[in-house]
Structure formats: C-alpha cells, structure tokens
Amino acid sequence: MSLKDQITEDMKTAMRAKDSERLLTVRTLLAAMKQKEVDERVVLDDVAIVAIVDKLVKQRKDSIAAFESGNRQDLADKEKAEMLVLQGYLPQRMSAEETTAAVQAIVTELGAKGPGDMGKVMGVVKTRLAGKADMGQVSAAVKAALAP
C-alpha cells in the first residue's frame, strides 16, 4: 500500500471513529498533497509525500515555539497533537550519531575542506538523507564537519 493510500484510509478511519482532531490533520495533509499535484501537474510518489509531511511538521514546530513564547499553551498543545499525527507518516528517523556518520562520509567522498563547500555538501546530503534525517541535525552536522 502506498503512503497516499494509507493516508486516505486513515482519513476514512478517523471519519468512522468520529475523531475530529485526527481527521482535520489528515485532511490538511491531503489538501497539501492535492495542491502540490495540481500546481506541478504531477502524481506524487512516497518520497514527495514524505517531503510534504516533513514541511508540515516543521511548520508545526515553528508554530509551537511561537505559541509558547506568546503564552498560548492551548494552541501549542493543539499543534503538538497535529505534529504527532503527521510524524506517524514519516519513516524512522536516523539517530544523531547515524546522521553525523552519514554526513562525515559524504564530506569525505566529496573532498570538502571548509565552510565554503557547505552548499555543495548540503545539496548532496539533502538528496540522500531527505525524509530519513532531521534537516536541523543534518545542517549542524555539516557545519561541524566543515568547521576549520
């Protein structure tokens, strides 16, 4: 079963269970997927769907930080619940050690020497680790690997 089919089935399950919070989150994800398909005139594969889910999770993290700094814990809790639902569609993430090792291998493979090579390294890292690792961790690992 593709990820798209699983998400559609989860929407139907949430409807049957009258789980309105989960249903709203899944419908938001489906709307984002449909928007991407219409805008780019493509059929999304699992990799593209994971990228969309990753983007939505990042938006939720940013919202949580903003709501907590504004003392709106009720809204932060709602965003956290949505983020948990969305994270269920992401593949298992790499640990910090695995991420660092993968980044180090790519840096060695490319022969990158210093901070000036960060763009080149990040381009390769993004394609290889997209959906598998937290890009915040990846960026920090690349900076550490290229530090003089």
N, C-alpha and C. Protein backbone atom coordinates (compact mmCIF):
# COMPACT_ATOMS: atom_id res chain seq x y z
N MET A 1 0.85 -1.18 0.00
CA MET A 1 0.00 0.00 0.00
C MET A 1 0.89 1.24 0.00
N SER A 2 0.58 2.14 -0.91
CA SER A 2 1.38 3.37 -0.97
C SER A 2 1.02 4.28 0.20
N LEU A 3 1.87 5.24 0.44
CA LEU A 3 1.65 6.18 1.54
C LEU A 3 0.38 6.99 1.30
N LYS A 4 0.13 7.34 0.05
CA LYS A 4 -1.07 8.10 -0.30
C LYS A 4 -2.33 7.30 0.03
N ASP A 5 -2.33 6.02 -0.30
CA ASP A 5 -3.47 5.15 0.02
C ASP A 5 -3.65 5.01 1.52
N GLN A 6 -2.54 4.89 2.24
CA GLN A 6 -2.61 4.76 3.70
C GLN A 6 -3.22 6.01 4.32
N ILE A 7 -2.82 7.19 3.82
CA ILE A 7 -3.36 8.44 4.35
C ILE A 7 -4.85 8.54 4.08
N THR A 8 -5.27 8.14 2.89
CA THR A 8 -6.69 8.15 2.54
C THR A 8 -7.47 7.20 3.45
N GLU A 9 -6.92 6.02 3.69
CA GLU A 9 -7.58 5.06 4.58
C GLU A 9 -7.65 5.60 6.01
N ASP A 10 -6.59 6.27 6.45
CA ASP A 10 -6.59 6.85 7.79
C ASP A 10 -7.67 7.93 7.91
N MET A 11 -7.90 8.67 6.83
CA MET A 11 -8.97 9.67 6.85
C MET A 11 -10.32 8.99 7.03
N LYS A 12 -10.55 7.92 6.29
CA LYS A 12 -11.82 7.20 6.40
C LYS A 12 -12.00 6.61 7.81
N THR A 13 -10.91 6.08 8.37
CA THR A 13 -10.96 5.52 9.71
C THR A 13 -11.29 6.60 10.74
N ALA A 14 -10.67 7.76 10.59
CA ALA A 14 -10.93 8.87 11.51
C ALA A 14 -12.38 9.35 11.38
N MET A 15 -12.91 9.33 10.17
CA MET A 15 -14.31 9.72 9.97
C MET A 15 -15.25 8.74 10.69
N ARG A 16 -14.96 7.45 10.50
CA ARG A 16 -15.82 6.43 11.13
C ARG A 16 -15.75 6.51 12.66
N ALA A 17 -14.55 6.81 13.17
CA ALA A 17 -14.34 6.87 14.61
C ALA A 17 -14.77 8.22 15.20
N LYS A 18 -15.16 9.14 14.32
CA LYS A 18 -15.55 10.49 14.73
C LYS A 18 -14.43 11.18 15.53
N ASP A 19 -13.19 10.93 15.09
CA ASP A 19 -12.01 11.54 15.69
C ASP A 19 -11.73 12.84 14.93
N SER A 20 -12.37 13.92 15.35
CA SER A 20 -12.34 15.16 14.58
C SER A 20 -10.95 15.79 14.51
N GLU A 21 -10.17 15.68 15.59
CA GLU A 21 -8.83 16.29 15.58
C GLU A 21 -7.91 15.58 14.59
N ARG A 22 -7.92 14.25 14.62
CA ARG A 22 -7.10 13.48 13.68
C ARG A 22 -7.59 13.70 12.25
N LEU A 23 -8.89 13.73 12.07
CA LEU A 23 -9.47 13.93 10.75
C LEU A 23 -9.05 15.27 10.16
N LEU A 24 -9.06 16.32 10.96
CA LEU A 24 -8.66 17.65 10.49
C LEU A 24 -7.20 17.64 10.03
N THR A 25 -6.34 17.00 10.80
CA THR A 25 -4.92 16.93 10.45
C THR A 25 -4.70 16.15 9.16
N VAL A 26 -5.37 15.01 9.03
CA VAL A 26 -5.21 14.19 7.83
C VAL A 26 -5.76 14.92 6.61
N ARG A 27 -6.87 15.61 6.78
CA ARG A 27 -7.43 16.38 5.65
C ARG A 27 -6.50 17.52 5.25
N THR A 28 -5.85 18.14 6.22
CA THR A 28 -4.87 19.19 5.92
C THR A 28 -3.72 18.62 5.08
N LEU A 29 -3.26 17.44 5.46
CA LEU A 29 -2.19 16.78 4.71
C LEU A 29 -2.66 16.44 3.29
N LEU A 30 -3.85 15.88 3.17
CA LEU A 30 -4.37 15.54 1.84
C LEU A 30 -4.53 16.79 0.97
N ALA A 31 -4.96 17.89 1.58
CA ALA A 31 -5.11 19.14 0.83
C ALA A 31 -3.75 19.64 0.33
N ALA A 32 -2.73 19.55 1.18
CA ALA A 32 -1.38 19.97 0.77
C ALA A 32 -0.87 19.09 -0.36
N MET A 33 -1.16 17.79 -0.28
CA MET A 33 -0.74 16.88 -1.34
C MET A 33 -1.45 17.20 -2.65
N LYS A 34 -2.74 17.43 -2.57
CA LYS A 34 -3.53 17.74 -3.77
C LYS A 34 -3.07 19.05 -4.39
N GLN A 35 -2.78 20.04 -3.54
CA GLN A 35 -2.30 21.34 -4.03
C GLN A 35 -1.00 21.18 -4.82
N LYS A 36 -0.10 20.35 -4.30
CA LYS A 36 1.18 20.11 -4.97
C LYS A 36 0.95 19.42 -6.31
N GLU A 37 0.04 18.44 -6.33
CA GLU A 37 -0.26 17.72 -7.57
C GLU A 37 -0.84 18.66 -8.63
N VAL A 38 -1.74 19.53 -8.22
CA VAL A 38 -2.38 20.45 -9.15
C VAL A 38 -1.39 21.51 -9.63
N ASP A 39 -0.62 22.08 -8.71
CA ASP A 39 0.33 23.13 -9.07
C ASP A 39 1.39 22.63 -10.05
N GLU A 40 1.91 21.44 -9.80
CA GLU A 40 3.02 20.95 -10.61
C GLU A 40 2.60 19.92 -11.66
N ARG A 41 1.31 19.60 -11.69
CA ARG A 41 0.76 18.63 -12.65
C ARG A 41 1.53 17.32 -12.63
N VAL A 42 1.68 16.76 -11.43
CA VAL A 42 2.37 15.50 -11.24
C VAL A 42 1.54 14.60 -10.34
N VAL A 43 1.90 13.33 -10.33
CA VAL A 43 1.34 12.38 -9.37
C VAL A 43 2.42 12.16 -8.33
N LEU A 44 2.08 12.39 -7.07
CA LEU A 44 3.07 12.30 -6.00
C LEU A 44 3.44 10.86 -5.69
N ASP A 45 4.73 10.63 -5.52
CA ASP A 45 5.19 9.34 -5.04
C ASP A 45 5.46 9.46 -3.54
N ASP A 46 5.86 8.36 -2.92
CA ASP A 46 6.06 8.36 -1.47
C ASP A 46 7.13 9.36 -1.02
N VAL A 47 8.17 9.53 -1.81
CA VAL A 47 9.25 10.46 -1.45
C VAL A 47 8.71 11.90 -1.40
N ALA A 48 7.90 12.27 -2.39
CA ALA A 48 7.33 13.62 -2.42
C ALA A 48 6.36 13.82 -1.27
N ILE A 49 5.61 12.79 -0.93
CA ILE A 49 4.66 12.89 0.18
C ILE A 49 5.41 13.06 1.50
N VAL A 50 6.50 12.33 1.67
CA VAL A 50 7.31 12.47 2.89
C VAL A 50 7.86 13.90 2.99
N ALA A 51 8.25 14.48 1.86
CA ALA A 51 8.75 15.86 1.87
C ALA A 51 7.65 16.82 2.31
N ILE A 52 6.43 16.59 1.87
CA ILE A 52 5.30 17.45 2.27
C ILE A 52 5.03 17.29 3.76
N VAL A 53 5.03 16.05 4.24
CA VAL A 53 4.79 15.80 5.66
C VAL A 53 5.89 16.46 6.49
N ASP A 54 7.13 16.34 6.02
CA ASP A 54 8.26 16.96 6.71
C ASP A 54 8.07 18.47 6.82
N LYS A 55 7.61 19.08 5.74
CA LYS A 55 7.37 20.53 5.72
C LYS A 55 6.27 20.90 6.72
N LEU A 56 5.21 20.11 6.75
CA LEU A 56 4.11 20.40 7.68
C LEU A 56 4.55 20.22 9.13
N VAL A 57 5.40 19.24 9.40
CA VAL A 57 5.92 19.03 10.75
C VAL A 57 6.77 20.23 11.17
N LYS A 58 7.60 20.70 10.25
CA LYS A 58 8.43 21.87 10.55
C LYS A 58 7.55 23.10 10.85
N GLN A 59 6.48 23.27 10.08
CA GLN A 59 5.56 24.38 10.33
C GLN A 59 4.96 24.26 11.73
N ARG A 60 4.61 23.04 12.12
CA ARG A 60 4.03 22.83 13.45
C ARG A 60 5.05 23.17 14.54
N LYS A 61 6.31 22.78 14.34
CA LYS A 61 7.36 23.08 15.32
C LYS A 61 7.52 24.59 15.48
N ASP A 62 7.52 25.30 14.36
CA ASP A 62 7.63 26.76 14.41
C ASP A 62 6.44 27.38 15.13
N SER A 63 5.25 26.87 14.85
CA SER A 63 4.04 27.38 15.50
C SER A 63 4.06 27.12 16.99
N ILE A 64 4.52 25.94 17.39
CA ILE A 64 4.60 25.60 18.82
C ILE A 64 5.51 26.58 19.53
N ALA A 65 6.66 26.86 18.95
CA ALA A 65 7.60 27.80 19.56
C ALA A 65 6.97 29.19 19.69
N ALA A 66 6.26 29.62 18.64
CA ALA A 66 5.63 30.94 18.67
C ALA A 66 4.52 31.00 19.72
N PHE A 67 3.70 29.96 19.79
CA PHE A 67 2.59 29.95 20.75
C PHE A 67 3.10 29.89 22.18
N GLU A 68 4.16 29.11 22.40
CA GLU A 68 4.69 29.01 23.75
C GLU A 68 5.34 30.33 24.19
N SER A 69 5.98 31.02 23.27
CA SER A 69 6.57 32.31 23.64
C SER A 69 5.48 33.37 23.86
N GLY A 70 4.31 33.15 23.27
CA GLY A 70 3.20 34.06 23.45
C GLY A 70 2.25 33.63 24.57
N ASN A 71 2.67 32.65 25.36
CA ASN A 71 1.85 32.13 26.48
C ASN A 71 0.49 31.63 26.03
N ARG A 72 0.44 30.95 24.89
CA ARG A 72 -0.80 30.34 24.41
C ARG A 72 -0.64 28.82 24.40
N GLN A 73 -0.60 28.24 25.60
CA GLN A 73 -0.34 26.81 25.72
C GLN A 73 -1.45 25.98 25.08
N ASP A 74 -2.69 26.48 25.08
CA ASP A 74 -3.79 25.74 24.46
C ASP A 74 -3.53 25.53 22.97
N LEU A 75 -3.08 26.57 22.28
CA LEU A 75 -2.78 26.45 20.85
C LEU A 75 -1.53 25.63 20.61
N ALA A 76 -0.55 25.73 21.49
CA ALA A 76 0.67 24.94 21.37
C ALA A 76 0.34 23.45 21.51
N ASP A 77 -0.55 23.11 22.43
CA ASP A 77 -0.94 21.72 22.63
C ASP A 77 -1.65 21.17 21.39
N LYS A 78 -2.49 21.99 20.78
CA LYS A 78 -3.20 21.59 19.55
C LYS A 78 -2.18 21.30 18.44
N GLU A 79 -1.19 22.16 18.29
CA GLU A 79 -0.16 21.99 17.27
C GLU A 79 0.67 20.73 17.55
N LYS A 80 0.94 20.46 18.83
CA LYS A 80 1.71 19.26 19.20
C LYS A 80 0.94 18.00 18.82
N ALA A 81 -0.38 18.02 19.04
CA ALA A 81 -1.21 16.86 18.68
C ALA A 81 -1.19 16.65 17.17
N GLU A 82 -1.28 17.73 16.40
CA GLU A 82 -1.23 17.62 14.94
C GLU A 82 0.13 17.09 14.49
N MET A 83 1.19 17.58 15.14
CA MET A 83 2.53 17.15 14.78
C MET A 83 2.71 15.66 15.02
N LEU A 84 2.16 15.14 16.10
CA LEU A 84 2.27 13.70 16.38
C LEU A 84 1.57 12.87 15.30
N VAL A 85 0.41 13.33 14.85
CA VAL A 85 -0.31 12.62 13.79
C VAL A 85 0.54 12.62 12.52
N LEU A 86 1.08 13.78 12.16
CA LEU A 86 1.88 13.89 10.94
C LEU A 86 3.16 13.05 11.02
N GLN A 87 3.79 13.01 12.18
CA GLN A 87 5.02 12.25 12.33
C GLN A 87 4.79 10.76 12.13
N GLY A 88 3.56 10.31 12.28
CA GLY A 88 3.24 8.91 12.03
C GLY A 88 3.42 8.50 10.58
N TYR A 89 3.45 9.48 9.68
CA TYR A 89 3.63 9.19 8.25
C TYR A 89 5.08 9.29 7.79
N LEU A 90 5.96 9.70 8.69
CA LEU A 90 7.37 9.81 8.35
C LEU A 90 8.07 8.48 8.61
N PRO A 91 9.06 8.14 7.78
CA PRO A 91 9.83 6.92 8.06
C PRO A 91 10.66 7.09 9.33
N GLN A 92 11.17 5.99 9.83
CA GLN A 92 12.00 6.03 11.03
C GLN A 92 13.18 6.95 10.80
N ARG A 93 13.41 7.88 11.71
CA ARG A 93 14.49 8.86 11.56
C ARG A 93 15.82 8.28 12.02
N MET A 94 16.87 8.79 11.42
CA MET A 94 18.22 8.39 11.81
C MET A 94 18.56 9.04 13.16
N SER A 95 19.37 8.36 13.94
CA SER A 95 19.81 8.94 15.21
C SER A 95 20.85 10.02 14.92
N ALA A 96 21.18 10.80 15.92
CA ALA A 96 22.17 11.87 15.76
C ALA A 96 23.52 11.29 15.34
N GLU A 97 23.89 10.14 15.91
CA GLU A 97 25.17 9.51 15.58
C GLU A 97 25.17 9.03 14.13
N GLU A 98 24.07 8.42 13.70
CA GLU A 98 23.97 7.95 12.32
C GLU A 98 24.02 9.12 11.34
N THR A 99 23.34 10.21 11.70
CA THR A 99 23.34 11.40 10.85
C THR A 99 24.75 11.95 10.71
N THR A 100 25.46 12.07 11.83
CA THR A 100 26.83 12.59 11.81
C THR A 100 27.74 11.70 10.97
N ALA A 101 27.59 10.38 11.11
CA ALA A 101 28.42 9.45 10.35
C ALA A 101 28.11 9.56 8.85
N ALA A 102 26.85 9.67 8.49
CA ALA A 102 26.47 9.80 7.07
C ALA A 102 27.01 11.09 6.48
N VAL A 103 26.89 12.18 7.23
CA VAL A 103 27.40 13.47 6.77
C VAL A 103 28.91 13.42 6.61
N GLN A 104 29.60 12.81 7.57
CA GLN A 104 31.06 12.71 7.50
C GLN A 104 31.48 11.92 6.27
N ALA A 105 30.75 10.84 5.96
CA ALA A 105 31.07 10.02 4.78
C ALA A 105 30.89 10.84 3.50
N ILE A 106 29.84 11.64 3.43
CA ILE A 106 29.59 12.47 2.24
C ILE A 106 30.66 13.54 2.11
N VAL A 107 31.04 14.17 3.22
CA VAL A 107 32.09 15.19 3.20
C VAL A 107 33.40 14.58 2.69
N THR A 108 33.73 13.40 3.17
CA THR A 108 34.95 12.71 2.73
C THR A 108 34.86 12.37 1.24
N GLU A 109 33.71 11.86 0.83
CA GLU A 109 33.50 11.46 -0.56
C GLU A 109 33.66 12.65 -1.51
N LEU A 110 33.14 13.80 -1.11
CA LEU A 110 33.22 15.00 -1.96
C LEU A 110 34.55 15.73 -1.84
N GLY A 111 35.31 15.41 -0.81
CA GLY A 111 36.58 16.08 -0.60
C GLY A 111 36.41 17.52 -0.15
N ALA A 112 35.31 17.79 0.55
CA ALA A 112 35.04 19.16 1.02
C ALA A 112 36.03 19.52 2.12
N LYS A 113 36.49 20.77 2.09
CA LYS A 113 37.53 21.19 3.02
C LYS A 113 37.06 22.16 4.10
N GLY A 114 36.23 23.11 3.74
CA GLY A 114 35.87 24.13 4.73
C GLY A 114 34.46 24.66 4.52
N PRO A 115 34.11 25.71 5.26
CA PRO A 115 32.76 26.27 5.21
C PRO A 115 32.32 26.71 3.81
N GLY A 116 33.27 27.01 2.94
CA GLY A 116 32.93 27.41 1.57
C GLY A 116 32.29 26.29 0.76
N ASP A 117 32.50 25.06 1.19
CA ASP A 117 31.94 23.90 0.48
C ASP A 117 30.58 23.47 1.04
N MET A 118 30.04 24.24 1.96
CA MET A 118 28.79 23.84 2.63
C MET A 118 27.64 23.66 1.63
N GLY A 119 27.51 24.55 0.67
CA GLY A 119 26.42 24.45 -0.31
C GLY A 119 26.50 23.17 -1.12
N LYS A 120 27.71 22.83 -1.54
CA LYS A 120 27.92 21.61 -2.32
C LYS A 120 27.56 20.38 -1.47
N VAL A 121 28.01 20.36 -0.24
CA VAL A 121 27.74 19.23 0.65
C VAL A 121 26.25 19.13 0.96
N MET A 122 25.62 20.25 1.28
CA MET A 122 24.19 20.24 1.63
C MET A 122 23.34 19.76 0.45
N GLY A 123 23.73 20.09 -0.77
CA GLY A 123 22.99 19.62 -1.94
C GLY A 123 22.96 18.11 -2.02
N VAL A 124 24.10 17.49 -1.80
CA VAL A 124 24.18 16.03 -1.85
C VAL A 124 23.48 15.42 -0.64
N VAL A 125 23.71 16.01 0.53
CA VAL A 125 23.12 15.48 1.77
C VAL A 125 21.59 15.51 1.69
N LYS A 126 21.04 16.61 1.16
CA LYS A 126 19.57 16.72 1.08
C LYS A 126 18.98 15.62 0.22
N THR A 127 19.62 15.30 -0.90
CA THR A 127 19.07 14.26 -1.76
C THR A 127 19.19 12.88 -1.13
N ARG A 128 20.28 12.62 -0.43
CA ARG A 128 20.48 11.29 0.15
C ARG A 128 19.75 11.06 1.46
N LEU A 129 19.60 12.11 2.26
CA LEU A 129 19.02 11.93 3.60
C LEU A 129 17.61 12.51 3.74
N ALA A 130 17.04 13.00 2.65
CA ALA A 130 15.70 13.59 2.72
C ALA A 130 14.70 12.56 3.25
N GLY A 131 13.97 12.94 4.29
CA GLY A 131 12.98 12.06 4.87
C GLY A 131 13.55 11.06 5.87
N LYS A 132 14.86 10.88 5.86
CA LYS A 132 15.47 9.90 6.75
C LYS A 132 16.05 10.56 7.99
N ALA A 133 16.40 11.84 7.87
CA ALA A 133 17.04 12.53 8.99
C ALA A 133 16.42 13.91 9.17
N ASP A 134 16.50 14.41 10.38
CA ASP A 134 16.03 15.76 10.68
C ASP A 134 17.01 16.73 10.06
N MET A 135 16.53 17.61 9.18
CA MET A 135 17.43 18.51 8.46
C MET A 135 18.12 19.52 9.39
N GLY A 136 17.54 19.81 10.53
CA GLY A 136 18.21 20.67 11.50
C GLY A 136 19.47 20.00 12.03
N GLN A 137 19.36 18.70 12.34
CA GLN A 137 20.51 17.93 12.78
C GLN A 137 21.54 17.81 11.67
N VAL A 138 21.06 17.60 10.45
CA VAL A 138 21.95 17.46 9.31
C VAL A 138 22.77 18.73 9.11
N SER A 139 22.10 19.87 9.16
CA SER A 139 22.78 21.15 8.98
C SER A 139 23.86 21.35 10.05
N ALA A 140 23.53 21.05 11.29
CA ALA A 140 24.50 21.17 12.38
C ALA A 140 25.68 20.22 12.17
N ALA A 141 25.40 19.01 11.69
CA ALA A 141 26.47 18.04 11.45
C ALA A 141 27.38 18.49 10.32
N VAL A 142 26.79 19.09 9.28
CA VAL A 142 27.60 19.58 8.15
C VAL A 142 28.48 20.75 8.62
N LYS A 143 27.91 21.67 9.40
CA LYS A 143 28.70 22.78 9.93
C LYS A 143 29.86 22.28 10.78
N ALA A 144 29.58 21.30 11.62
CA ALA A 144 30.64 20.74 12.48
C ALA A 144 31.71 20.05 11.66
N ALA A 145 31.28 19.33 10.61
CA ALA A 145 32.25 18.58 9.79
C ALA A 145 33.13 19.52 8.97
N LEU A 146 32.59 20.69 8.60
CA LEU A 146 33.34 21.63 7.76
C LEU A 146 34.01 22.75 8.56
N ALA A 147 33.88 22.71 9.86
CA ALA A 147 34.49 23.76 10.71
C ALA A 147 36.00 23.69 10.58
N PRO A 148 36.65 24.84 10.52
CA PRO A 148 38.11 24.85 10.36
C PRO A 148 38.84 24.34 11.60
